[in-house]
Amino acid sequence: MNDYLLRYRPVLEQRGLRLATIATYLTDVGQYLDWLSETRGLLPEQAQDADAQGYCEFLLASEHQLRPRSYGKYSPTTVRRKLKSVTRFYDFLFGENPC
């Protein structure tokens, strides 16, 4: 788990979220951070609106491993959840209304 997620996890725990919800948020944010680093070479503090748009397009257009040995596109509901997880992470990162 990277440093960003290690710092974010206690904030989620303090909110009293279920462990499964925390795991989902951390997975969503971790996937975004990996994508941002691998495709854009950026840290989250360096990302711009165009990068967020690119991630949204990536989630909607690409096939992903949905389950072991199962690939497909994310549903619009899943994409919205992932983007909301990223939005909450940025609220935490920049000190705006943490979670």
Protein backbone atom coordinates (compact mmCIF):
# COMPACT_ATOMS: atom_id res chain seq x y z
CA MET A 1 0.00 0.00 0.00
CA ASN A 2 1.46 3.34 -0.97
CA ASP A 3 1.99 6.30 1.35
CA TYR A 4 -1.13 8.14 0.17
CA LEU A 5 -3.34 5.20 1.02
CA LEU A 6 -1.62 4.67 4.35
CA ARG A 7 -2.41 8.27 5.29
CA TYR A 8 -5.97 8.07 3.95
CA ARG A 9 -7.02 4.82 5.63
CA PRO A 10 -7.20 6.23 9.22
CA VAL A 11 -9.45 9.04 7.99
CA LEU A 12 -11.86 6.50 6.55
CA GLU A 13 -11.69 4.42 9.73
CA GLN A 14 -12.49 7.49 11.86
CA ARG A 15 -15.69 7.92 9.89
CA GLY A 16 -16.86 4.56 11.21
CA LEU A 17 -17.15 3.00 7.78
CA ARG A 18 -17.45 -0.75 7.41
CA LEU A 19 -14.22 -2.57 6.57
CA ALA A 20 -15.61 -3.60 3.19
CA THR A 21 -16.40 0.03 2.35
CA ILE A 22 -12.93 1.15 3.38
CA ALA A 23 -11.39 -1.61 1.26
CA THR A 24 -13.48 -0.52 -1.73
CA TYR A 25 -12.46 3.13 -1.36
CA LEU A 26 -8.79 2.20 -1.00
CA THR A 27 -8.96 -0.11 -4.02
CA ASP A 28 -10.65 2.58 -6.13
CA VAL A 29 -8.12 5.24 -5.14
CA GLY A 30 -5.19 2.83 -5.51
CA GLN A 31 -6.27 1.99 -9.06
CA TYR A 32 -6.50 5.68 -9.88
CA LEU A 33 -3.07 6.41 -8.40
CA ASP A 34 -1.57 3.53 -10.39
CA TRP A 35 -3.21 4.76 -13.60
CA LEU A 36 -2.08 8.33 -12.96
CA SER A 37 1.50 7.26 -12.36
CA GLU A 38 1.73 4.71 -15.17
CA THR A 39 -0.06 6.63 -17.92
CA ARG A 40 0.67 10.25 -17.02
CA GLY A 41 3.77 10.01 -14.85
CA LEU A 42 2.12 12.22 -12.25
CA LEU A 43 1.63 12.39 -8.52
CA PRO A 44 -1.94 13.14 -7.44
CA GLU A 45 -1.03 16.72 -6.48
CA GLN A 46 0.09 17.33 -10.07
CA ALA A 47 -3.08 16.09 -11.78
CA GLN A 48 -5.25 18.51 -13.71
CA ASP A 49 -8.87 18.38 -14.88
CA ALA A 50 -7.76 16.84 -18.17
CA ASP A 51 -6.18 13.95 -16.27
CA ALA A 52 -9.41 13.29 -14.38
CA GLN A 53 -11.29 13.34 -17.67
CA GLY A 54 -8.77 10.90 -19.12
CA TYR A 55 -9.29 8.53 -16.20
CA CYS A 56 -13.05 8.68 -16.63
CA GLU A 57 -12.66 7.87 -20.33
CA PHE A 58 -10.30 5.02 -19.48
CA LEU A 59 -12.84 3.54 -17.05
CA LEU A 60 -15.67 3.79 -19.56
CA ALA A 61 -13.83 2.64 -22.67
CA SER A 62 -11.42 -0.06 -21.62
CA GLU A 63 -11.94 -3.64 -20.64
CA HIS A 64 -10.87 -4.43 -17.11
CA GLN A 65 -10.49 -7.54 -15.01
CA LEU A 66 -13.81 -7.58 -13.21
CA ARG A 67 -13.29 -10.89 -11.44
CA PRO A 68 -10.62 -13.57 -11.72
CA ARG A 69 -10.62 -14.75 -15.32
CA SER A 70 -13.46 -12.36 -16.22
CA TYR A 71 -12.96 -9.19 -18.23
CA GLY A 72 -15.36 -6.52 -19.40
CA LYS A 73 -16.30 -2.88 -19.17
CA TYR A 74 -17.31 -1.24 -15.92
CA SER A 75 -20.96 -0.29 -15.56
CA PRO A 76 -21.78 3.42 -15.36
CA THR A 77 -22.69 2.92 -11.68
CA THR A 78 -19.26 1.44 -10.94
CA VAL A 79 -17.54 4.27 -12.80
CA ARG A 80 -19.49 6.85 -10.75
CA ARG A 81 -18.51 5.10 -7.52
CA LYS A 82 -14.84 4.99 -8.50
CA LEU A 83 -14.85 8.67 -9.43
CA LYS A 84 -16.62 9.58 -6.17
CA SER A 85 -13.93 7.65 -4.27
CA VAL A 86 -11.26 9.68 -6.08
CA THR A 87 -13.11 12.94 -5.37
CA ARG A 88 -13.24 12.13 -1.65
CA PHE A 89 -9.55 11.28 -1.73
CA TYR A 90 -8.77 14.70 -3.21
CA ASP A 91 -10.94 16.36 -0.56
CA PHE A 92 -8.74 14.61 2.02
CA LEU A 93 -5.49 15.39 0.20
CA PHE A 94 -6.17 19.11 -0.10
CA GLY A 95 -7.91 19.46 3.26
CA GLU A 96 -11.33 20.30 1.88
CA ASN A 97 -14.19 18.64 3.74
CA PRO A 98 -12.30 15.40 4.51
CA CYS A 99 -14.48 12.52 3.32
